Amino acid sequence: MGLTTCWGDSLEKLEKTAWSRFGGSIAQAEVASSFSYAGERALHIRNGNITGDSPAESGGSYAELSQRIPVVANQAYELRVWVLSQDCQPDAVQFLADNQPILSVPSGSYGWQQLALSFQPKANEVSIRIRCRGVADVWIDELRIVRKPATE
């Protein structure tokens, strides 16, 4: 992810709050140097409890980062990311493209592993979100959105 061109080098230095909380969420995110896959920093998301147990779309609690990026409509892209988990419930941390879940951080505790999943945006801009709505203590690094080669 680098945290330099998209979200900056610190979540606190941005013009508006980068980590937004909804519905009473107590989830926290920070750019941390305690663990990183590559470079010196990674995004650390922690959440011991979120009040409310329904999905975010029906009024539940969640917190998220989002970034709009330019893409080519109807082309295939792959989201690649490295994650480390000290604790993560199923579907507690998800990556979304235009508010549609495309990738969930696996549950459990484990060392660095790469996750990847393809998606196809319908417009020339897509909103990529990292959303937390459950118990989690995870690090995210080297987030990449890569355009896949066109198939003939």
N, C-alpha and C. Protein backbone atom coordinates (compact mmCIF):
# COMPACT_ATOMS: atom_id res chain seq x y z
N MET A 1 0.84 -1.16 0.00
CA MET A 1 0.00 0.00 0.00
C MET A 1 0.88 1.22 0.00
N GLY A 2 1.99 1.20 0.69
CA GLY A 2 2.89 2.32 0.69
C GLY A 2 2.42 3.45 1.57
N LEU A 3 1.13 3.74 1.60
CA LEU A 3 0.56 4.84 2.35
C LEU A 3 1.22 6.18 2.02
N THR A 4 1.64 6.34 0.78
CA THR A 4 2.24 7.62 0.40
C THR A 4 1.42 8.32 -0.67
N THR A 5 0.98 7.63 -1.69
CA THR A 5 0.24 8.31 -2.74
C THR A 5 -1.26 8.32 -2.51
N CYS A 6 -1.81 7.31 -1.89
CA CYS A 6 -3.26 7.28 -1.69
C CYS A 6 -3.67 7.93 -0.38
N TRP A 7 -3.26 7.36 0.72
CA TRP A 7 -3.73 7.83 2.02
C TRP A 7 -2.70 8.69 2.74
N GLY A 8 -1.59 9.01 2.13
CA GLY A 8 -0.58 9.81 2.81
C GLY A 8 0.30 8.95 3.69
N ASP A 9 1.22 9.56 4.40
CA ASP A 9 2.10 8.78 5.26
C ASP A 9 1.58 8.73 6.69
N SER A 10 0.49 9.42 6.96
CA SER A 10 -0.12 9.38 8.28
C SER A 10 -1.60 9.66 8.14
N LEU A 11 -2.44 8.90 8.82
CA LEU A 11 -3.88 9.11 8.74
C LEU A 11 -4.27 10.45 9.37
N GLU A 12 -3.46 10.97 10.29
CA GLU A 12 -3.78 12.22 10.97
C GLU A 12 -3.46 13.45 10.12
N LYS A 13 -2.62 13.34 9.11
CA LYS A 13 -2.19 14.50 8.33
C LYS A 13 -3.13 14.83 7.17
N LEU A 14 -4.13 14.02 6.94
CA LEU A 14 -5.01 14.25 5.81
C LEU A 14 -5.98 15.39 6.08
N GLU A 15 -6.52 15.99 5.01
CA GLU A 15 -7.42 17.12 5.14
C GLU A 15 -8.69 16.77 5.91
N LYS A 16 -9.20 15.58 5.75
CA LYS A 16 -10.37 15.14 6.50
C LYS A 16 -10.03 13.82 7.17
N THR A 17 -10.87 13.41 8.08
CA THR A 17 -10.63 12.16 8.79
C THR A 17 -10.59 11.00 7.80
N ALA A 18 -9.51 10.27 7.81
CA ALA A 18 -9.36 9.15 6.89
C ALA A 18 -10.10 7.91 7.40
N TRP A 19 -10.08 7.69 8.70
CA TRP A 19 -10.73 6.52 9.30
C TRP A 19 -12.07 6.99 9.84
N SER A 20 -13.14 6.63 9.17
CA SER A 20 -14.48 7.08 9.53
C SER A 20 -15.20 5.98 10.28
N ARG A 21 -15.87 6.35 11.36
CA ARG A 21 -16.63 5.39 12.18
C ARG A 21 -18.12 5.67 12.03
N PHE A 22 -18.91 4.58 12.02
CA PHE A 22 -20.34 4.71 11.86
C PHE A 22 -21.05 3.81 12.88
N GLY A 23 -22.20 4.24 13.37
CA GLY A 23 -23.05 3.43 14.24
C GLY A 23 -22.43 3.04 15.56
N GLY A 24 -21.56 3.86 16.13
CA GLY A 24 -20.96 3.56 17.43
C GLY A 24 -19.73 2.68 17.38
N SER A 25 -19.14 2.52 16.23
CA SER A 25 -17.94 1.69 16.11
C SER A 25 -16.80 2.26 16.96
N ILE A 26 -16.02 1.36 17.55
CA ILE A 26 -14.83 1.77 18.31
C ILE A 26 -13.55 1.28 17.65
N ALA A 27 -13.66 0.80 16.40
CA ALA A 27 -12.49 0.31 15.67
C ALA A 27 -11.48 1.43 15.48
N GLN A 28 -10.19 1.06 15.52
CA GLN A 28 -9.11 2.03 15.36
C GLN A 28 -8.20 1.60 14.23
N ALA A 29 -7.62 2.60 13.55
CA ALA A 29 -6.63 2.33 12.50
C ALA A 29 -5.50 3.33 12.65
N GLU A 30 -4.29 2.84 12.39
CA GLU A 30 -3.13 3.72 12.45
C GLU A 30 -2.07 3.21 11.50
N VAL A 31 -1.22 4.13 11.06
CA VAL A 31 -0.06 3.75 10.29
C VAL A 31 1.01 3.39 11.32
N ALA A 32 1.39 2.12 11.36
CA ALA A 32 2.25 1.62 12.43
C ALA A 32 3.56 1.09 11.88
N SER A 33 4.60 1.21 12.70
CA SER A 33 5.90 0.67 12.30
C SER A 33 6.24 -0.61 13.06
N SER A 34 5.30 -1.12 13.87
CA SER A 34 5.56 -2.32 14.65
C SER A 34 5.72 -3.56 13.77
N PHE A 35 4.95 -3.67 12.71
CA PHE A 35 5.06 -4.76 11.75
C PHE A 35 4.89 -4.16 10.37
N SER A 36 5.64 -4.65 9.41
CA SER A 36 5.41 -4.30 8.02
C SER A 36 5.94 -5.43 7.16
N TYR A 37 5.28 -5.66 6.04
CA TYR A 37 5.75 -6.70 5.13
C TYR A 37 6.93 -6.18 4.32
N ALA A 38 6.79 -4.97 3.83
CA ALA A 38 7.84 -4.33 3.05
C ALA A 38 7.89 -2.86 3.47
N GLY A 39 9.04 -2.28 3.44
CA GLY A 39 9.15 -0.89 3.87
C GLY A 39 9.17 -0.77 5.38
N GLU A 40 8.72 0.38 5.84
CA GLU A 40 8.81 0.67 7.28
C GLU A 40 7.49 0.71 8.01
N ARG A 41 6.36 0.78 7.29
CA ARG A 41 5.06 0.94 7.94
C ARG A 41 4.00 0.06 7.29
N ALA A 42 2.94 -0.18 8.04
CA ALA A 42 1.77 -0.89 7.54
C ALA A 42 0.54 -0.29 8.22
N LEU A 43 -0.62 -0.53 7.65
CA LEU A 43 -1.87 -0.10 8.26
C LEU A 43 -2.25 -1.13 9.32
N HIS A 44 -2.46 -0.67 10.56
CA HIS A 44 -2.85 -1.55 11.66
C HIS A 44 -4.29 -1.24 12.03
N ILE A 45 -5.16 -2.24 11.94
CA ILE A 45 -6.57 -2.10 12.30
C ILE A 45 -6.84 -2.95 13.52
N ARG A 46 -7.41 -2.31 14.55
CA ARG A 46 -7.73 -3.00 15.80
C ARG A 46 -9.19 -2.74 16.15
N ASN A 47 -9.85 -3.79 16.61
CA ASN A 47 -11.21 -3.63 17.09
C ASN A 47 -11.53 -4.75 18.06
N GLY A 48 -11.71 -4.39 19.32
CA GLY A 48 -12.03 -5.38 20.33
C GLY A 48 -13.50 -5.71 20.37
N ASN A 49 -14.33 -4.75 19.98
CA ASN A 49 -15.78 -4.94 20.02
C ASN A 49 -16.44 -3.84 19.20
N ILE A 50 -17.48 -4.19 18.51
CA ILE A 50 -18.29 -3.19 17.82
C ILE A 50 -19.72 -3.38 18.31
N THR A 51 -20.33 -2.30 18.76
CA THR A 51 -21.72 -2.41 19.22
C THR A 51 -22.63 -2.64 18.03
N GLY A 52 -23.61 -3.46 18.20
CA GLY A 52 -24.51 -3.80 17.10
C GLY A 52 -23.96 -4.99 16.35
N ASP A 53 -24.83 -5.91 15.97
CA ASP A 53 -24.34 -7.11 15.32
C ASP A 53 -24.88 -7.29 13.91
N SER A 54 -25.57 -6.29 13.38
CA SER A 54 -26.09 -6.43 12.03
C SER A 54 -25.11 -5.86 11.02
N PRO A 55 -25.20 -6.28 9.77
CA PRO A 55 -24.28 -5.76 8.76
C PRO A 55 -24.39 -4.24 8.64
N ALA A 56 -23.30 -3.61 8.19
CA ALA A 56 -23.26 -2.16 8.07
C ALA A 56 -24.39 -1.63 7.21
N GLU A 57 -24.75 -2.32 6.14
CA GLU A 57 -25.77 -1.83 5.22
C GLU A 57 -27.15 -1.79 5.85
N SER A 58 -27.36 -2.50 6.96
CA SER A 58 -28.67 -2.47 7.60
C SER A 58 -28.58 -1.84 8.99
N GLY A 59 -27.64 -0.92 9.17
CA GLY A 59 -27.61 -0.15 10.40
C GLY A 59 -26.58 -0.57 11.41
N GLY A 60 -25.76 -1.57 11.16
CA GLY A 60 -24.76 -2.01 12.11
C GLY A 60 -23.58 -1.05 12.18
N SER A 61 -22.69 -1.32 13.10
CA SER A 61 -21.50 -0.49 13.29
C SER A 61 -20.36 -0.94 12.41
N TYR A 62 -19.59 0.02 11.94
CA TYR A 62 -18.38 -0.28 11.18
C TYR A 62 -17.52 0.96 11.10
N ALA A 63 -16.28 0.75 10.68
CA ALA A 63 -15.35 1.84 10.43
C ALA A 63 -14.62 1.52 9.14
N GLU A 64 -14.18 2.56 8.41
CA GLU A 64 -13.54 2.29 7.13
C GLU A 64 -12.67 3.43 6.65
N LEU A 65 -11.77 3.05 5.75
CA LEU A 65 -10.99 3.98 4.92
C LEU A 65 -11.54 3.83 3.52
N SER A 66 -11.52 4.91 2.74
CA SER A 66 -11.91 4.76 1.35
C SER A 66 -11.06 5.67 0.48
N GLN A 67 -10.89 5.25 -0.77
CA GLN A 67 -10.11 6.02 -1.73
C GLN A 67 -10.71 5.78 -3.11
N ARG A 68 -11.02 6.86 -3.82
CA ARG A 68 -11.50 6.75 -5.20
C ARG A 68 -10.29 6.73 -6.13
N ILE A 69 -10.30 5.78 -7.06
CA ILE A 69 -9.18 5.68 -7.99
C ILE A 69 -9.70 5.58 -9.42
N PRO A 70 -8.95 6.14 -10.38
CA PRO A 70 -9.37 6.01 -11.78
C PRO A 70 -9.07 4.60 -12.30
N VAL A 71 -9.97 4.09 -13.11
CA VAL A 71 -9.81 2.78 -13.73
C VAL A 71 -10.40 2.85 -15.14
N VAL A 72 -10.29 1.79 -15.88
CA VAL A 72 -10.95 1.67 -17.18
C VAL A 72 -12.20 0.82 -16.96
N ALA A 73 -13.34 1.38 -17.29
CA ALA A 73 -14.61 0.68 -17.09
C ALA A 73 -14.62 -0.66 -17.81
N ASN A 74 -15.23 -1.64 -17.17
CA ASN A 74 -15.45 -2.98 -17.73
C ASN A 74 -14.16 -3.75 -18.04
N GLN A 75 -13.06 -3.34 -17.42
CA GLN A 75 -11.80 -4.08 -17.53
C GLN A 75 -11.59 -4.85 -16.23
N ALA A 76 -10.94 -5.98 -16.31
CA ALA A 76 -10.66 -6.79 -15.12
C ALA A 76 -9.46 -6.22 -14.37
N TYR A 77 -9.58 -6.15 -13.05
CA TYR A 77 -8.51 -5.70 -12.16
C TYR A 77 -8.33 -6.75 -11.07
N GLU A 78 -7.16 -6.73 -10.47
CA GLU A 78 -6.89 -7.62 -9.34
C GLU A 78 -6.44 -6.77 -8.16
N LEU A 79 -7.06 -6.99 -7.02
CA LEU A 79 -6.64 -6.37 -5.78
C LEU A 79 -5.70 -7.36 -5.09
N ARG A 80 -4.47 -6.92 -4.82
CA ARG A 80 -3.47 -7.75 -4.13
C ARG A 80 -3.07 -7.03 -2.86
N VAL A 81 -2.93 -7.79 -1.78
CA VAL A 81 -2.58 -7.18 -0.50
C VAL A 81 -1.91 -8.24 0.39
N TRP A 82 -1.00 -7.77 1.24
CA TRP A 82 -0.38 -8.63 2.25
C TRP A 82 -1.02 -8.33 3.59
N VAL A 83 -1.39 -9.39 4.34
CA VAL A 83 -2.02 -9.22 5.65
C VAL A 83 -1.33 -10.10 6.69
N LEU A 84 -1.33 -9.62 7.92
CA LEU A 84 -0.85 -10.36 9.08
C LEU A 84 -1.95 -10.23 10.12
N SER A 85 -2.29 -11.31 10.79
CA SER A 85 -3.37 -11.26 11.77
C SER A 85 -2.94 -11.85 13.11
N GLN A 86 -3.21 -11.11 14.17
CA GLN A 86 -3.05 -11.66 15.51
C GLN A 86 -4.39 -12.15 16.03
N ASP A 87 -5.46 -11.69 15.40
CA ASP A 87 -6.81 -12.16 15.72
C ASP A 87 -7.76 -11.53 14.72
N CYS A 88 -8.60 -12.34 14.11
CA CYS A 88 -9.57 -11.80 13.17
C CYS A 88 -10.76 -12.75 13.10
N GLN A 89 -11.95 -12.22 13.35
CA GLN A 89 -13.16 -13.02 13.18
C GLN A 89 -13.51 -13.09 11.70
N PRO A 90 -14.32 -14.09 11.30
CA PRO A 90 -14.72 -14.18 9.89
C PRO A 90 -15.40 -12.90 9.41
N ASP A 91 -14.97 -12.41 8.26
CA ASP A 91 -15.53 -11.21 7.61
C ASP A 91 -15.43 -9.94 8.45
N ALA A 92 -14.54 -9.92 9.44
CA ALA A 92 -14.39 -8.72 10.27
C ALA A 92 -13.73 -7.58 9.50
N VAL A 93 -12.80 -7.89 8.61
CA VAL A 93 -12.14 -6.88 7.78
C VAL A 93 -12.32 -7.27 6.32
N GLN A 94 -12.91 -6.35 5.56
CA GLN A 94 -13.19 -6.63 4.16
C GLN A 94 -12.68 -5.50 3.27
N PHE A 95 -12.37 -5.85 2.04
CA PHE A 95 -12.04 -4.89 1.00
C PHE A 95 -13.26 -4.82 0.09
N LEU A 96 -13.68 -3.61 -0.25
CA LEU A 96 -14.85 -3.42 -1.08
C LEU A 96 -14.49 -2.57 -2.30
N ALA A 97 -15.18 -2.83 -3.40
CA ALA A 97 -15.08 -2.00 -4.59
C ALA A 97 -16.49 -1.49 -4.87
N ASP A 98 -16.64 -0.17 -4.82
CA ASP A 98 -17.96 0.45 -4.97
C ASP A 98 -18.99 -0.20 -4.06
N ASN A 99 -18.60 -0.36 -2.82
CA ASN A 99 -19.44 -0.87 -1.73
C ASN A 99 -19.84 -2.34 -1.87
N GLN A 100 -19.20 -3.07 -2.76
CA GLN A 100 -19.43 -4.50 -2.91
C GLN A 100 -18.22 -5.25 -2.37
N PRO A 101 -18.40 -6.14 -1.38
CA PRO A 101 -17.25 -6.89 -0.86
C PRO A 101 -16.58 -7.71 -1.96
N ILE A 102 -15.27 -7.58 -2.07
CA ILE A 102 -14.53 -8.37 -3.06
C ILE A 102 -13.50 -9.28 -2.41
N LEU A 103 -13.14 -9.00 -1.14
CA LEU A 103 -12.12 -9.80 -0.48
C LEU A 103 -12.26 -9.64 1.02
N SER A 104 -12.22 -10.74 1.76
CA SER A 104 -12.25 -10.71 3.22
C SER A 104 -10.93 -11.21 3.77
N VAL A 105 -10.46 -10.58 4.83
CA VAL A 105 -9.26 -11.05 5.52
C VAL A 105 -9.63 -12.37 6.20
N PRO A 106 -8.88 -13.44 5.99
CA PRO A 106 -9.20 -14.72 6.61
C PRO A 106 -9.21 -14.63 8.14
N SER A 107 -10.04 -15.43 8.76
CA SER A 107 -10.13 -15.45 10.21
C SER A 107 -8.92 -16.15 10.81
N GLY A 108 -8.68 -15.87 12.10
CA GLY A 108 -7.60 -16.53 12.82
C GLY A 108 -6.39 -15.67 13.05
N SER A 109 -5.30 -16.32 13.43
CA SER A 109 -4.01 -15.67 13.66
C SER A 109 -2.98 -16.33 12.76
N TYR A 110 -2.18 -15.51 12.07
CA TYR A 110 -1.19 -16.06 11.14
C TYR A 110 -0.19 -14.97 10.77
N GLY A 111 0.93 -15.41 10.20
CA GLY A 111 1.95 -14.48 9.71
C GLY A 111 1.54 -13.89 8.37
N TRP A 112 2.45 -13.12 7.78
CA TRP A 112 2.16 -12.46 6.52
C TRP A 112 1.75 -13.45 5.44
N GLN A 113 0.64 -13.15 4.76
CA GLN A 113 0.21 -13.91 3.61
C GLN A 113 -0.41 -12.97 2.59
N GLN A 114 -0.22 -13.31 1.32
CA GLN A 114 -0.77 -12.47 0.26
C GLN A 114 -2.17 -12.94 -0.11
N LEU A 115 -3.07 -11.99 -0.27
CA LEU A 115 -4.42 -12.25 -0.72
C LEU A 115 -4.61 -11.56 -2.06
N ALA A 116 -5.44 -12.13 -2.91
CA ALA A 116 -5.70 -11.51 -4.21
C ALA A 116 -7.08 -11.95 -4.69
N LEU A 117 -7.76 -11.02 -5.35
CA LEU A 117 -9.05 -11.34 -5.94
C LEU A 117 -9.33 -10.37 -7.08
N SER A 118 -9.95 -10.88 -8.13
CA SER A 118 -10.28 -10.06 -9.31
C SER A 118 -11.64 -9.40 -9.15
N PHE A 119 -11.79 -8.24 -9.80
CA PHE A 119 -13.06 -7.55 -9.86
C PHE A 119 -13.10 -6.74 -11.15
N GLN A 120 -14.29 -6.31 -11.54
CA GLN A 120 -14.45 -5.58 -12.80
C GLN A 120 -15.34 -4.36 -12.56
N PRO A 121 -14.73 -3.17 -12.44
CA PRO A 121 -15.53 -1.96 -12.21
C PRO A 121 -16.38 -1.62 -13.44
N LYS A 122 -17.54 -1.04 -13.20
CA LYS A 122 -18.46 -0.70 -14.28
C LYS A 122 -18.29 0.75 -14.76
N ALA A 123 -17.57 1.58 -14.00
CA ALA A 123 -17.36 2.99 -14.36
C ALA A 123 -15.86 3.28 -14.44
N ASN A 124 -15.52 4.49 -14.82
CA ASN A 124 -14.11 4.88 -14.95
C ASN A 124 -13.49 5.35 -13.65
N GLU A 125 -14.18 5.14 -12.56
CA GLU A 125 -13.66 5.43 -11.23
C GLU A 125 -14.27 4.41 -10.28
N VAL A 126 -13.48 3.97 -9.31
CA VAL A 126 -13.98 2.99 -8.35
C VAL A 126 -13.57 3.44 -6.95
N SER A 127 -14.46 3.22 -6.00
CA SER A 127 -14.16 3.51 -4.60
C SER A 127 -13.71 2.22 -3.93
N ILE A 128 -12.44 2.21 -3.50
CA ILE A 128 -11.90 1.06 -2.79
C ILE A 128 -12.00 1.36 -1.30
N ARG A 129 -12.58 0.46 -0.54
CA ARG A 129 -12.76 0.65 0.90
C ARG A 129 -12.13 -0.51 1.66
N ILE A 130 -11.58 -0.19 2.82
CA ILE A 130 -11.14 -1.20 3.78
C ILE A 130 -12.07 -1.00 4.97
N ARG A 131 -12.90 -2.00 5.24
CA ARG A 131 -13.95 -1.86 6.25
C ARG A 131 -13.74 -2.88 7.38
N CYS A 132 -13.93 -2.41 8.61
CA CYS A 132 -13.85 -3.29 9.80
C CYS A 132 -15.18 -3.24 10.52
N ARG A 133 -15.75 -4.42 10.75
CA ARG A 133 -17.02 -4.48 11.48
C ARG A 133 -17.09 -5.68 12.41
N GLY A 134 -15.96 -6.11 12.89
CA GLY A 134 -15.92 -7.23 13.83
C GLY A 134 -14.60 -7.22 14.57
N VAL A 135 -14.40 -8.19 15.45
CA VAL A 135 -13.18 -8.28 16.23
C VAL A 135 -12.01 -8.55 15.30
N ALA A 136 -10.98 -7.69 15.41
CA ALA A 136 -9.83 -7.81 14.51
C ALA A 136 -8.61 -7.15 15.12
N ASP A 137 -7.46 -7.70 14.82
CA ASP A 137 -6.15 -7.10 15.12
C ASP A 137 -5.25 -7.52 13.96
N VAL A 138 -5.29 -6.71 12.88
CA VAL A 138 -4.62 -7.07 11.64
C VAL A 138 -3.75 -5.93 11.12
N TRP A 139 -2.74 -6.31 10.34
CA TRP A 139 -1.86 -5.36 9.65
C TRP A 139 -2.05 -5.58 8.16
N ILE A 140 -2.09 -4.49 7.40
CA ILE A 140 -2.29 -4.52 5.96
C ILE A 140 -1.13 -3.77 5.31
N ASP A 141 -0.51 -4.38 4.30
CA ASP A 141 0.63 -3.74 3.64
C ASP A 141 0.62 -4.09 2.15
N GLU A 142 1.30 -3.28 1.38
CA GLU A 142 1.51 -3.53 -0.05
C GLU A 142 0.22 -3.75 -0.81
N LEU A 143 -0.77 -2.91 -0.57
CA LEU A 143 -2.03 -2.98 -1.31
C LEU A 143 -1.79 -2.50 -2.74
N ARG A 144 -2.21 -3.30 -3.71
CA ARG A 144 -2.03 -2.98 -5.12
C ARG A 144 -3.34 -3.27 -5.86
N ILE A 145 -3.66 -2.40 -6.79
CA ILE A 145 -4.75 -2.63 -7.73
C ILE A 145 -4.09 -2.72 -9.10
N VAL A 146 -4.17 -3.88 -9.72
CA VAL A 146 -3.46 -4.14 -10.97
C VAL A 146 -4.46 -4.46 -12.07
N ARG A 147 -4.34 -3.77 -13.20
CA ARG A 147 -5.18 -4.07 -14.37
C ARG A 147 -4.70 -5.36 -14.98
N LYS A 148 -5.62 -6.30 -15.18
CA LYS A 148 -5.27 -7.59 -15.77
C LYS A 148 -5.22 -7.46 -17.29
N PRO A 149 -4.37 -8.23 -17.93
CA PRO A 149 -4.29 -8.19 -19.40
C PRO A 149 -5.62 -8.57 -20.03
N ALA A 150 -5.95 -7.91 -21.11
CA ALA A 150 -7.20 -8.22 -21.82
C ALA A 150 -7.08 -9.60 -22.46
N THR A 151 -8.16 -10.35 -22.41
CA THR A 151 -8.18 -11.67 -23.05
C THR A 151 -8.81 -11.52 -24.42
N GLU A 152 -8.32 -12.28 -25.35
CA GLU A 152 -8.81 -12.18 -26.74
C GLU A 152 -9.85 -13.21 -27.03
